[in-house]
Amino acid sequence: MPSLPSFEKMREMAQNDPQALERLRQMHINKLIHAAPEHLRQRLQGLQFQIDAQRRLSKTPMASCLQISKMMHDSLHSLGTYIKGSTGQIELPQTEQVEAKVLSFRRKDQGNL
């Protein structure tokens, strides 16, 4: 897969030729999906369809970014729920407890340090 142009070049494309930047984006997405194992391609195409739909429905690029980020967080939450299973608990590794002495400090305006 050809490498991406530099950030500066893509910024220039975004300002001067956004259609070329969009074609570049689509080309890299399609090549990535095509390079994926066959059993994952349909799922990746469906996911890309959802992402593209969010981009079209959003009024601003920032709104699009936030919606796509929400999609990722929702997916991660679903995965966490699946991992927890029926017990509702995730077993975390035990950590060693260490005792520590907490020091208090006075503010400068409360007297000498």
PDB file of N, CA and C in Angstrom:
ATOM      1  N   MET A   1       0.853  -1.164   0.000  1.00  0.00           N
ATOM      2  CA  MET A   1       0.000   0.000   0.000  1.00  0.00           C
ATOM      3  C   MET A   1       0.904   1.234   0.000  1.00  0.00           C
ATOM      4  N   PRO A   2       0.629   2.189  -0.883  1.00  0.00           N
ATOM      5  CA  PRO A   2       1.458   3.396  -0.888  1.00  0.00           C
ATOM      6  C   PRO A   2       1.312   4.150   0.430  1.00  0.00           C
ATOM      7  N   SER A   3       2.401   4.783   0.828  1.00  0.00           N
ATOM      8  CA  SER A   3       2.357   5.510   2.092  1.00  0.00           C
ATOM      9  C   SER A   3       1.566   6.808   1.931  1.00  0.00           C
ATOM     10  N   LEU A   4       1.135   7.329   3.059  1.00  0.00           N
ATOM     11  CA  LEU A   4       0.395   8.586   3.059  1.00  0.00           C
ATOM     12  C   LEU A   4       1.340   9.740   2.782  1.00  0.00           C
ATOM     13  N   PRO A   5       0.845  10.789   2.154  1.00  0.00           N
ATOM     14  CA  PRO A   5       1.665  11.997   2.019  1.00  0.00           C
ATOM     15  C   PRO A   5       1.921  12.597   3.396  1.00  0.00           C
ATOM     16  N   SER A   6       2.829  13.522   3.459  1.00  0.00           N
ATOM     17  CA  SER A   6       3.131  14.186   4.729  1.00  0.00           C
ATOM     18  C   SER A   6       1.901  14.936   5.227  1.00  0.00           C
ATOM     19  N   PHE A   7       1.918  15.241   6.525  1.00  0.00           N
ATOM     20  CA  PHE A   7       0.826  15.994   7.112  1.00  0.00           C
ATOM     21  C   PHE A   7       0.650  17.330   6.393  1.00  0.00           C
ATOM     22  N   GLU A   8       1.768  17.992   6.112  1.00  0.00           N
ATOM     23  CA  GLU A   8       1.708  19.288   5.450  1.00  0.00           C
ATOM     24  C   GLU A   8       1.037  19.171   4.081  1.00  0.00           C
ATOM     25  N   LYS A   9       1.376  18.115   3.344  1.00  0.00           N
ATOM     26  CA  LYS A   9       0.782  17.902   2.020  1.00  0.00           C
ATOM     27  C   LYS A   9      -0.723  17.643   2.143  1.00  0.00           C
ATOM     28  N   MET A  10      -1.125  16.843   3.124  1.00  0.00           N
ATOM     29  CA  MET A  10      -2.552  16.566   3.292  1.00  0.00           C
ATOM     30  C   MET A  10      -3.300  17.815   3.757  1.00  0.00           C
ATOM     31  N   ARG A  11      -2.661  18.631   4.587  1.00  0.00           N
ATOM     32  CA  ARG A  11      -3.283  19.897   4.994  1.00  0.00           C
ATOM     33  C   ARG A  11      -3.490  20.794   3.777  1.00  0.00           C
ATOM     34  N   GLU A  12      -2.492  20.842   2.913  1.00  0.00           N
ATOM     35  CA  GLU A  12      -2.603  21.623   1.671  1.00  0.00           C
ATOM     36  C   GLU A  12      -3.733  21.082   0.794  1.00  0.00           C
ATOM     37  N   MET A  13      -3.827  19.753   0.703  1.00  0.00           N
ATOM     38  CA  MET A  13      -4.909  19.144  -0.080  1.00  0.00           C
ATOM     39  C   MET A  13      -6.268  19.511   0.513  1.00  0.00           C
ATOM     40  N   ALA A  14      -6.376  19.484   1.837  1.00  0.00           N
ATOM     41  CA  ALA A  14      -7.645  19.808   2.497  1.00  0.00           C
ATOM     42  C   ALA A  14      -8.060  21.238   2.185  1.00  0.00           C
ATOM     43  N   GLN A  15      -7.097  22.131   2.120  1.00  0.00           N
ATOM     44  CA  GLN A  15      -7.401  23.537   1.855  1.00  0.00           C
ATOM     45  C   GLN A  15      -7.657  23.810   0.383  1.00  0.00           C
ATOM     46  N   ASN A  16      -6.879  23.182  -0.495  1.00  0.00           N
ATOM     47  CA  ASN A  16      -6.914  23.530  -1.918  1.00  0.00           C
ATOM     48  C   ASN A  16      -7.622  22.529  -2.813  1.00  0.00           C
ATOM     49  N   ASP A  17      -7.668  21.264  -2.395  1.00  0.00           N
ATOM     50  CA  ASP A  17      -8.281  20.238  -3.238  1.00  0.00           C
ATOM     51  C   ASP A  17      -8.901  19.147  -2.363  1.00  0.00           C
ATOM     52  N   PRO A  18     -10.001  19.481  -1.639  1.00  0.00           N
ATOM     53  CA  PRO A  18     -10.579  18.503  -0.714  1.00  0.00           C
ATOM     54  C   PRO A  18     -11.063  17.222  -1.405  1.00  0.00           C
ATOM     55  N   GLN A  19     -11.443  17.325  -2.681  1.00  0.00           N
ATOM     56  CA  GLN A  19     -11.877  16.107  -3.394  1.00  0.00           C
ATOM     57  C   GLN A  19     -10.711  15.135  -3.563  1.00  0.00           C
ATOM     58  N   ALA A  20      -9.514  15.653  -3.816  1.00  0.00           N
ATOM     59  CA  ALA A  20      -8.340  14.781  -3.947  1.00  0.00           C
ATOM     60  C   ALA A  20      -8.023  14.111  -2.609  1.00  0.00           C
ATOM     61  N   LEU A  21      -8.165  14.858  -1.527  1.00  0.00           N
ATOM     62  CA  LEU A  21      -7.938  14.274  -0.203  1.00  0.00           C
ATOM     63  C   LEU A  21      -8.965  13.181   0.086  1.00  0.00           C
ATOM     64  N   GLU A  22     -10.207  13.416  -0.291  1.00  0.00           N
ATOM     65  CA  GLU A  22     -11.258  12.406  -0.097  1.00  0.00           C
ATOM     66  C   GLU A  22     -10.966  11.158  -0.931  1.00  0.00           C
ATOM     67  N   ARG A  23     -10.513  11.335  -2.164  1.00  0.00           N
ATOM     68  CA  ARG A  23     -10.155  10.161  -2.996  1.00  0.00           C
ATOM     69  C   ARG A  23      -9.013   9.378  -2.363  1.00  0.00           C
ATOM     70  N   LEU A  24      -8.031  10.092  -1.825  1.00  0.00           N
ATOM     71  CA  LEU A  24      -6.907   9.438  -1.157  1.00  0.00           C
ATOM     72  C   LEU A  24      -7.401   8.654   0.062  1.00  0.00           C
ATOM     73  N   ARG A  25      -8.292   9.248   0.843  1.00  0.00           N
ATOM     74  CA  ARG A  25      -8.866   8.582   2.012  1.00  0.00           C
ATOM     75  C   ARG A  25      -9.587   7.308   1.605  1.00  0.00           C
ATOM     76  N   GLN A  26     -10.438   7.425   0.596  1.00  0.00           N
ATOM     77  CA  GLN A  26     -11.195   6.262   0.118  1.00  0.00           C
ATOM     78  C   GLN A  26     -10.262   5.167  -0.405  1.00  0.00           C
ATOM     79  N   MET A  27      -9.225   5.555  -1.134  1.00  0.00           N
ATOM     80  CA  MET A  27      -8.284   4.570  -1.677  1.00  0.00           C
ATOM     81  C   MET A  27      -7.622   3.780  -0.550  1.00  0.00           C
ATOM     82  N   HIS A  28      -7.173   4.482   0.487  1.00  0.00           N
ATOM     83  CA  HIS A  28      -6.497   3.793   1.586  1.00  0.00           C
ATOM     84  C   HIS A  28      -7.468   2.914   2.377  1.00  0.00           C
ATOM     85  N   ILE A  29      -8.671   3.377   2.577  1.00  0.00           N
ATOM     86  CA  ILE A  29      -9.666   2.562   3.276  1.00  0.00           C
ATOM     87  C   ILE A  29      -9.961   1.295   2.490  1.00  0.00           C
ATOM     88  N   ASN A  30     -10.212   1.440   1.189  1.00  0.00           N
ATOM     89  CA  ASN A  30     -10.526   0.278   0.352  1.00  0.00           C
ATOM     90  C   ASN A  30      -9.375  -0.717   0.305  1.00  0.00           C
ATOM     91  N   LYS A  31      -8.150  -0.223   0.210  1.00  0.00           N
ATOM     92  CA  LYS A  31      -6.989  -1.128   0.182  1.00  0.00           C
ATOM     93  C   LYS A  31      -6.835  -1.860   1.507  1.00  0.00           C
ATOM     94  N   LEU A  32      -7.083  -1.161   2.604  1.00  0.00           N
ATOM     95  CA  LEU A  32      -6.986  -1.785   3.923  1.00  0.00           C
ATOM     96  C   LEU A  32      -8.036  -2.879   4.091  1.00  0.00           C
ATOM     97  N   ILE A  33      -9.253  -2.581   3.697  1.00  0.00           N
ATOM     98  CA  ILE A  33     -10.324  -3.583   3.798  1.00  0.00           C
ATOM     99  C   ILE A  33     -10.018  -4.769   2.901  1.00  0.00           C
ATOM    100  N   HIS A  34      -9.561  -4.505   1.685  1.00  0.00           N
ATOM    101  CA  HIS A  34      -9.244  -5.589   0.746  1.00  0.00           C
ATOM    102  C   HIS A  34      -8.080  -6.452   1.255  1.00  0.00           C
ATOM    103  N   ALA A  35      -7.155  -5.849   2.000  1.00  0.00           N
ATOM    104  CA  ALA A  35      -6.005  -6.597   2.519  1.00  0.00           C
ATOM    105  C   ALA A  35      -6.356  -7.426   3.759  1.00  0.00           C
ATOM    106  N   ALA A  36      -7.511  -7.161   4.355  1.00  0.00           N
ATOM    107  CA  ALA A  36      -7.925  -7.898   5.556  1.00  0.00           C
ATOM    108  C   ALA A  36      -8.296  -9.329   5.186  1.00  0.00           C
ATOM    109  N   PRO A  37      -8.238 -10.247   6.140  1.00  0.00           N
ATOM    110  CA  PRO A  37      -8.677 -11.616   5.874  1.00  0.00           C
ATOM    111  C   PRO A  37     -10.127 -11.615   5.370  1.00  0.00           C
ATOM    112  N   GLU A  38     -10.419 -12.511   4.462  1.00  0.00           N
ATOM    113  CA  GLU A  38     -11.728 -12.537   3.802  1.00  0.00           C
ATOM    114  C   GLU A  38     -12.890 -12.603   4.786  1.00  0.00           C
ATOM    115  N   HIS A  39     -12.724 -13.354   5.877  1.00  0.00           N
ATOM    116  CA  HIS A  39     -13.834 -13.507   6.823  1.00  0.00           C
ATOM    117  C   HIS A  39     -14.131 -12.217   7.591  1.00  0.00           C
ATOM    118  N   LEU A  40     -13.249 -11.211   7.531  1.00  0.00           N
ATOM    119  CA  LEU A  40     -13.474  -9.940   8.217  1.00  0.00           C
ATOM    120  C   LEU A  40     -13.948  -8.823   7.286  1.00  0.00           C
ATOM    121  N   ARG A  41     -13.824  -9.024   5.995  1.00  0.00           N
ATOM    122  CA  ARG A  41     -14.098  -7.934   5.046  1.00  0.00           C
ATOM    123  C   ARG A  41     -15.522  -7.405   5.109  1.00  0.00           C
ATOM    124  N   GLN A  42     -16.492  -8.275   5.178  1.00  0.00           N
ATOM    125  CA  GLN A  42     -17.880  -7.818   5.200  1.00  0.00           C
ATOM    126  C   GLN A  42     -18.145  -6.972   6.446  1.00  0.00           C
ATOM    127  N   ARG A  43     -17.612  -7.394   7.579  1.00  0.00           N
ATOM    128  CA  ARG A  43     -17.787  -6.633   8.817  1.00  0.00           C
ATOM    129  C   ARG A  43     -17.105  -5.270   8.711  1.00  0.00           C
ATOM    130  N   LEU A  44     -15.904  -5.245   8.146  1.00  0.00           N
ATOM    131  CA  LEU A  44     -15.189  -3.978   7.977  1.00  0.00           C
ATOM    132  C   LEU A  44     -15.921  -3.041   7.015  1.00  0.00           C
ATOM    133  N   GLN A  45     -16.482  -3.594   5.943  1.00  0.00           N
ATOM    134  CA  GLN A  45     -17.252  -2.774   5.011  1.00  0.00           C
ATOM    135  C   GLN A  45     -18.492  -2.197   5.689  1.00  0.00           C
ATOM    136  N   GLY A  46     -19.149  -2.992   6.517  1.00  0.00           N
ATOM    137  CA  GLY A  46     -20.319  -2.523   7.251  1.00  0.00           C
ATOM    138  C   GLY A  46     -19.950  -1.433   8.241  1.00  0.00           C
ATOM    139  N   LEU A  47     -18.837  -1.610   8.915  1.00  0.00           N
ATOM    140  CA  LEU A  47     -18.372  -0.604   9.860  1.00  0.00           C
ATOM    141  C   LEU A  47     -18.023   0.696   9.130  1.00  0.00           C
ATOM    142  N   GLN A  48     -17.359   0.575   7.984  1.00  0.00           N
ATOM    143  CA  GLN A  48     -17.015   1.770   7.219  1.00  0.00           C
ATOM    144  C   GLN A  48     -18.271   2.469   6.717  1.00  0.00           C
ATOM    145  N   PHE A  49     -19.287   1.693   6.358  1.00  0.00           N
ATOM    146  CA  PHE A  49     -20.569   2.280   5.943  1.00  0.00           C
ATOM    147  C   PHE A  49     -21.161   3.115   7.080  1.00  0.00           C
ATOM    148  N   GLN A  50     -21.126   2.574   8.297  1.00  0.00           N
ATOM    149  CA  GLN A  50     -21.649   3.316   9.459  1.00  0.00           C
ATOM    150  C   GLN A  50     -20.849   4.594   9.713  1.00  0.00           C
ATOM    151  N   ILE A  51     -19.544   4.510   9.593  1.00  0.00           N
ATOM    152  CA  ILE A  51     -18.690   5.688   9.790  1.00  0.00           C
ATOM    153  C   ILE A  51     -18.995   6.747   8.736  1.00  0.00           C
ATOM    154  N   ASP A  52     -19.086   6.322   7.482  1.00  0.00           N
ATOM    155  CA  ASP A  52     -19.386   7.272   6.403  1.00  0.00           C
ATOM    156  C   ASP A  52     -20.761   7.902   6.600  1.00  0.00           C
ATOM    157  N   ALA A  53     -21.733   7.121   7.077  1.00  0.00           N
ATOM    158  CA  ALA A  53     -23.077   7.661   7.323  1.00  0.00           C
ATOM    159  C   ALA A  53     -23.018   8.725   8.423  1.00  0.00           C
ATOM    160  N   GLN A  54     -22.262   8.471   9.473  1.00  0.00           N
ATOM    161  CA  GLN A  54     -22.113   9.467  10.534  1.00  0.00           C
ATOM    162  C   GLN A  54     -21.465  10.741  10.003  1.00  0.00           C
ATOM    163  N   ARG A  55     -20.481  10.582   9.141  1.00  0.00           N
ATOM    164  CA  ARG A  55     -19.819  11.759   8.561  1.00  0.00           C
ATOM    165  C   ARG A  55     -20.802  12.576   7.725  1.00  0.00           C
ATOM    166  N   ARG A  56     -21.665  11.904   6.958  1.00  0.00           N
ATOM    167  CA  ARG A  56     -22.640  12.615   6.121  1.00  0.00           C
ATOM    168  C   ARG A  56     -23.728  13.278   6.952  1.00  0.00           C
ATOM    169  N   LEU A  57     -24.155  12.629   8.032  1.00  0.00           N
ATOM    170  CA  LEU A  57     -25.249  13.153   8.844  1.00  0.00           C
ATOM    171  C   LEU A  57     -24.833  14.299   9.765  1.00  0.00           C
ATOM    172  N   SER A  58     -23.573  14.361  10.096  1.00  0.00           N
ATOM    173  CA  SER A  58     -23.100  15.382  11.033  1.00  0.00           C
ATOM    174  C   SER A  58     -23.004  16.735  10.347  1.00  0.00           C
ATOM    175  N   LYS A  59     -23.337  17.771  11.120  1.00  0.00           N
ATOM    176  CA  LYS A  59     -23.339  19.121  10.572  1.00  0.00           C
ATOM    177  C   LYS A  59     -21.937  19.704  10.451  1.00  0.00           C
ATOM    178  N   THR A  60     -21.023  19.270  11.307  1.00  0.00           N
ATOM    179  CA  THR A  60     -19.653  19.792  11.274  1.00  0.00           C
ATOM    180  C   THR A  60     -18.665  18.630  11.394  1.00  0.00           C
ATOM    181  N   PRO A  61     -17.423  18.845  10.983  1.00  0.00           N
ATOM    182  CA  PRO A  61     -16.405  17.800  11.174  1.00  0.00           C
ATOM    183  C   PRO A  61     -16.228  17.417  12.640  1.00  0.00           C
ATOM    184  N   MET A  62     -16.329  18.396  13.552  1.00  0.00           N
ATOM    185  CA  MET A  62     -16.184  18.089  14.977  1.00  0.00           C
ATOM    186  C   MET A  62     -17.332  17.211  15.459  1.00  0.00           C
ATOM    187  N   ALA A  63     -18.547  17.508  15.017  1.00  0.00           N
ATOM    188  CA  ALA A  63     -19.698  16.677  15.392  1.00  0.00           C
ATOM    189  C   ALA A  63     -19.512  15.257  14.864  1.00  0.00           C
ATOM    190  N   SER A  64     -18.978  15.144  13.667  1.00  0.00           N
ATOM    191  CA  SER A  64     -18.694  13.832  13.083  1.00  0.00           C
ATOM    192  C   SER A  64     -17.684  13.071  13.937  1.00  0.00           C
ATOM    193  N   CYS A  65     -16.627  13.764  14.314  1.00  0.00           N
ATOM    194  CA  CYS A  65     -15.582  13.151  15.139  1.00  0.00           C
ATOM    195  C   CYS A  65     -16.162  12.662  16.464  1.00  0.00           C
ATOM    196  N   LEU A  66     -17.006  13.478  17.087  1.00  0.00           N
ATOM    197  CA  LEU A  66     -17.599  13.101  18.369  1.00  0.00           C
ATOM    198  C   LEU A  66     -18.528  11.903  18.224  1.00  0.00           C
ATOM    199  N   GLN A  67     -19.314  11.866  17.155  1.00  0.00           N
ATOM    200  CA  GLN A  67     -20.227  10.739  16.943  1.00  0.00           C
ATOM    201  C   GLN A  67     -19.462   9.442  16.692  1.00  0.00           C
ATOM    202  N   ILE A  68     -18.407   9.522  15.899  1.00  0.00           N
ATOM    203  CA  ILE A  68     -17.605   8.328  15.609  1.00  0.00           C
ATOM    204  C   ILE A  68     -16.886   7.874  16.884  1.00  0.00           C
ATOM    205  N   SER A  69     -16.416   8.817  17.685  1.00  0.00           N
ATOM    206  CA  SER A  69     -15.798   8.479  18.966  1.00  0.00           C
ATOM    207  C   SER A  69     -16.810   7.789  19.877  1.00  0.00           C
ATOM    208  N   LYS A  70     -18.042   8.279  19.893  1.00  0.00           N
ATOM    209  CA  LYS A  70     -19.098   7.650  20.687  1.00  0.00           C
ATOM    210  C   LYS A  70     -19.344   6.219  20.212  1.00  0.00           C
ATOM    211  N   MET A  71     -19.332   6.016  18.893  1.00  0.00           N
ATOM    212  CA  MET A  71     -19.501   4.660  18.359  1.00  0.00           C
ATOM    213  C   MET A  71     -18.409   3.732  18.898  1.00  0.00           C
ATOM    214  N   MET A  72     -17.170   4.221  18.926  1.00  0.00           N
ATOM    215  CA  MET A  72     -16.061   3.406  19.420  1.00  0.00           C
ATOM    216  C   MET A  72     -16.227   3.100  20.903  1.00  0.00           C
ATOM    217  N   HIS A  73     -16.623   4.108  21.687  1.00  0.00           N
ATOM    218  CA  HIS A  73     -16.814   3.887  23.126  1.00  0.00           C
ATOM    219  C   HIS A  73     -17.955   2.906  23.380  1.00  0.00           C
ATOM    220  N   ASP A  74     -19.044   3.032  22.622  1.00  0.00           N
ATOM    221  CA  ASP A  74     -20.162   2.097  22.772  1.00  0.00           C
ATOM    222  C   ASP A  74     -19.723   0.672  22.461  1.00  0.00           C
ATOM    223  N   SER A  75     -18.916   0.526  21.412  1.00  0.00           N
ATOM    224  CA  SER A  75     -18.426  -0.800  21.035  1.00  0.00           C
ATOM    225  C   SER A  75     -17.521  -1.367  22.125  1.00  0.00           C
ATOM    226  N   LEU A  76     -16.668  -0.526  22.682  1.00  0.00           N
ATOM    227  CA  LEU A  76     -15.780  -0.965  23.757  1.00  0.00           C
ATOM    228  C   LEU A  76     -16.588  -1.366  24.986  1.00  0.00           C
ATOM    229  N   HIS A  77     -17.636  -0.598  25.290  1.00  0.00           N
ATOM    230  CA  HIS A  77     -18.501  -0.938  26.428  1.00  0.00           C
ATOM    231  C   HIS A  77     -19.182  -2.292  26.191  1.00  0.00           C
ATOM    232  N   SER A  78     -19.663  -2.512  24.977  1.00  0.00           N
ATOM    233  CA  SER A  78     -20.295  -3.799  24.653  1.00  0.00           C
ATOM    234  C   SER A  78     -19.312  -4.947  24.810  1.00  0.00           C
ATOM    235  N   LEU A  79     -18.077  -4.719  24.368  1.00  0.00           N
ATOM    236  CA  LEU A  79     -17.052  -5.751  24.511  1.00  0.00           C
ATOM    237  C   LEU A  79     -16.792  -6.039  25.985  1.00  0.00           C
ATOM    238  N   GLY A  80     -16.725  -4.979  26.798  1.00  0.00           N
ATOM    239  CA  GLY A  80     -16.519  -5.161  28.234  1.00  0.00           C
ATOM    240  C   GLY A  80     -17.644  -5.954  28.872  1.00  0.00           C
ATOM    241  N   THR A  81     -18.881  -5.653  28.456  1.00  0.00           N
ATOM    242  CA  THR A  81     -20.037  -6.392  28.973  1.00  0.00           C
ATOM    243  C   THR A  81     -19.946  -7.857  28.574  1.00  0.00           C
ATOM    244  N   TYR A  82     -19.528  -8.125  27.338  1.00  0.00           N
ATOM    245  CA  TYR A  82     -19.377  -9.497  26.866  1.00  0.00           C
ATOM    246  C   TYR A  82     -18.307 -10.230  27.672  1.00  0.00           C
ATOM    247  N   ILE A  83     -17.197  -9.543  27.928  1.00  0.00           N
ATOM    248  CA  ILE A  83     -16.101 -10.172  28.678  1.00  0.00           C
ATOM    249  C   ILE A  83     -16.534 -10.502  30.100  1.00  0.00           C
ATOM    250  N   LYS A  84     -17.314  -9.606  30.714  1.00  0.00           N
ATOM    251  CA  LYS A  84     -17.776  -9.843  32.078  1.00  0.00           C
ATOM    252  C   LYS A  84     -18.636 -11.094  32.158  1.00  0.00           C
ATOM    253  N   GLY A  85     -19.375 -11.365  31.106  1.00  0.00           N
ATOM    254  CA  GLY A  85     -20.215 -12.549  31.070  1.00  0.00           C
ATOM    255  C   GLY A  85     -21.343 -12.481  32.069  1.00  0.00           C
ATOM    256  N   SER A  86     -21.829 -13.627  32.473  1.00  0.00           N
ATOM    257  CA  SER A  86     -23.000 -13.689  33.336  1.00  0.00           C
ATOM    258  C   SER A  86     -22.689 -13.312  34.782  1.00  0.00           C
ATOM    259  N   THR A  87     -21.425 -13.355  35.174  1.00  0.00           N
ATOM    260  CA  THR A  87     -21.094 -13.033  36.568  1.00  0.00           C
ATOM    261  C   THR A  87     -21.130 -11.534  36.821  1.00  0.00           C
ATOM    262  N   GLY A  88     -20.951 -10.753  35.764  1.00  0.00           N
ATOM    263  CA  GLY A  88     -20.927  -9.314  35.928  1.00  0.00           C
ATOM    264  C   GLY A  88     -19.629  -8.810  36.536  1.00  0.00           C
ATOM    265  N   GLN A  89     -18.669  -9.681  36.686  1.00  0.00           N
ATOM    266  CA  GLN A  89     -17.402  -9.296  37.294  1.00  0.00           C
ATOM    267  C   GLN A  89     -16.238  -9.627  36.372  1.00  0.00           C
ATOM    268  N   ILE A  90     -15.255  -8.789  36.414  1.00  0.00           N
ATOM    269  CA  ILE A  90     -14.003  -9.064  35.715  1.00  0.00           C
ATOM    270  C   ILE A  90     -12.957  -9.320  36.787  1.00  0.00           C
ATOM    271  N   GLU A  91     -12.247 -10.419  36.652  1.00  0.00           N
ATOM    272  CA  GLU A  91     -11.201 -10.696  37.624  1.00  0.00           C
ATOM    273  C   GLU A  91      -9.966  -9.905  37.249  1.00  0.00           C
ATOM    274  N   LEU A  92      -9.537  -9.067  38.170  1.00  0.00           N
ATOM    275  CA  LEU A  92      -8.343  -8.280  37.954  1.00  0.00           C
ATOM    276  C   LEU A  92      -7.191  -8.916  38.704  1.00  0.00           C
ATOM    277  N   PRO A  93      -5.987  -8.763  38.194  1.00  0.00           N
ATOM    278  CA  PRO A  93      -4.842  -9.334  38.907  1.00  0.00           C
ATOM    279  C   PRO A  93      -4.689  -8.660  40.267  1.00  0.00           C
ATOM    280  N   GLN A  94      -4.266  -9.444  41.246  1.00  0.00           N
ATOM    281  CA  GLN A  94      -4.057  -8.920  42.582  1.00  0.00           C
ATOM    282  C   GLN A  94      -2.799  -8.057  42.583  1.00  0.00           C
ATOM    283  N   THR A  95      -2.884  -6.936  43.269  1.00  0.00           N
ATOM    284  CA  THR A  95      -1.719  -6.071  43.379  1.00  0.00           C
ATOM    285  C   THR A  95      -1.250  -6.049  44.818  1.00  0.00           C
ATOM    286  N   GLU A  96       0.005  -5.837  44.981  1.00  0.00           N
ATOM    287  CA  GLU A  96       0.588  -5.784  46.310  1.00  0.00           C
ATOM    288  C   GLU A  96       0.217  -4.461  46.957  1.00  0.00           C
ATOM    289  N   GLN A  97      -0.249  -4.522  48.204  1.00  0.00           N
ATOM    290  CA  GLN A  97      -0.595  -3.302  48.912  1.00  0.00           C
ATOM    291  C   GLN A  97       0.643  -2.789  49.630  1.00  0.00           C
ATOM    292  N   VAL A  98       0.861  -1.502  49.521  1.00  0.00           N
ATOM    293  CA  VAL A  98       2.020  -0.871  50.130  1.00  0.00           C
ATOM    294  C   VAL A  98       1.529   0.221  51.070  1.00  0.00           C
ATOM    295  N   GLU A  99       2.100   0.247  52.274  1.00  0.00           N
ATOM    296  CA  GLU A  99       1.743   1.304  53.215  1.00  0.00           C
ATOM    297  C   GLU A  99       2.592   2.525  52.914  1.00  0.00           C
ATOM    298  N   ALA A 100       1.986   3.689  53.084  1.00  0.00           N
ATOM    299  CA  ALA A 100       2.713   4.932  52.847  1.00  0.00           C
ATOM    300  C   ALA A 100       2.304   5.949  53.892  1.00  0.00           C
ATOM    301  N   LYS A 101       3.209   6.815  54.232  1.00  0.00           N
ATOM    302  CA  LYS A 101       2.925   7.887  55.166  1.00  0.00           C
ATOM    303  C   LYS A 101       2.555   9.118  54.342  1.00  0.00           C
ATOM    304  N   VAL A 102       1.421   9.716  54.654  1.00  0.00           N
ATOM    305  CA  VAL A 102       0.964  10.893  53.944  1.00  0.00           C
ATOM    306  C   VAL A 102       1.421  12.123  54.697  1.00  0.00           C
ATOM    307  N   LEU A 103       2.128  12.987  54.022  1.00  0.00           N
ATOM    308  CA  LEU A 103       2.638  14.212  54.629  1.00  0.00           C
ATOM    309  C   LEU A 103       1.695  15.357  54.318  1.00  0.00           C
ATOM    310  N   SER A 104       1.496  16.225  55.304  1.00  0.00           N
ATOM    311  CA  SER A 104       0.676  17.408  55.036  1.00  0.00           C
ATOM    312  C   SER A 104       1.595  18.610  54.933  1.00  0.00           C
ATOM    313  N   PHE A 105       1.266  19.502  54.029  1.00  0.00           N
ATOM    314  CA  PHE A 105       2.037  20.715  53.824  1.00  0.00           C
ATOM    315  C   PHE A 105       1.130  21.913  54.049  1.00  0.00           C
ATOM    316  N   ARG A 106       1.685  22.926  54.719  1.00  0.00           N
ATOM    317  CA  ARG A 106       0.929  24.150  54.919  1.00  0.00           C
ATOM    318  C   ARG A 106       1.172  25.075  53.728  1.00  0.00           C
ATOM    319  N   ARG A 107       0.170  25.844  53.387  1.00  0.00           N
ATOM    320  CA  ARG A 107       0.328  26.845  52.336  1.00  0.00           C
ATOM    321  C   ARG A 107       1.218  27.950  52.836  1.00  0.00           C
ATOM    322  N   LYS A 108       1.862  28.656  51.926  1.00  0.00           N
ATOM    323  CA  LYS A 108       2.774  29.744  52.289  1.00  0.00           C
ATOM    324  C   LYS A 108       2.067  30.800  53.136  1.00  0.00           C
ATOM    325  N   ASP A 109       0.850  31.110  52.817  1.00  0.00           N
ATOM    326  CA  ASP A 109       0.148  32.163  53.532  1.00  0.00           C
ATOM    327  C   ASP A 109      -0.324  31.715  54.922  1.00  0.00           C
ATOM    328  N   GLN A 110      -0.066  30.468  55.294  1.00  0.00           N
ATOM    329  CA  GLN A 110      -0.454  29.966  56.613  1.00  0.00           C
ATOM    330  C   GLN A 110       0.723  29.929  57.570  1.00  0.00           C
ATOM    331  N   GLY A 111       1.822  30.468  57.190  1.00  0.00           N
ATOM    332  CA  GLY A 111       2.966  30.487  58.086  1.00  0.00           C
ATOM    333  C   GLY A 111       4.199  29.970  57.399  1.00  0.00           C
ATOM    334  N   ASN A 112       5.278  29.900  58.141  1.00  0.00           N
ATOM    335  CA  ASN A 112       6.543  29.421  57.585  1.00  0.00           C
ATOM    336  C   ASN A 112       6.486  27.933  57.291  1.00  0.00           C
ATOM    337  N   LEU A 113       7.201  27.567  56.255  1.00  0.00           N
ATOM    338  CA  LEU A 113       7.288  26.146  55.897  1.00  0.00           C
ATOM    339  C   LEU A 113       8.432  25.523  56.568  1.00  0.00           C
TER     340      LEU A 113
END
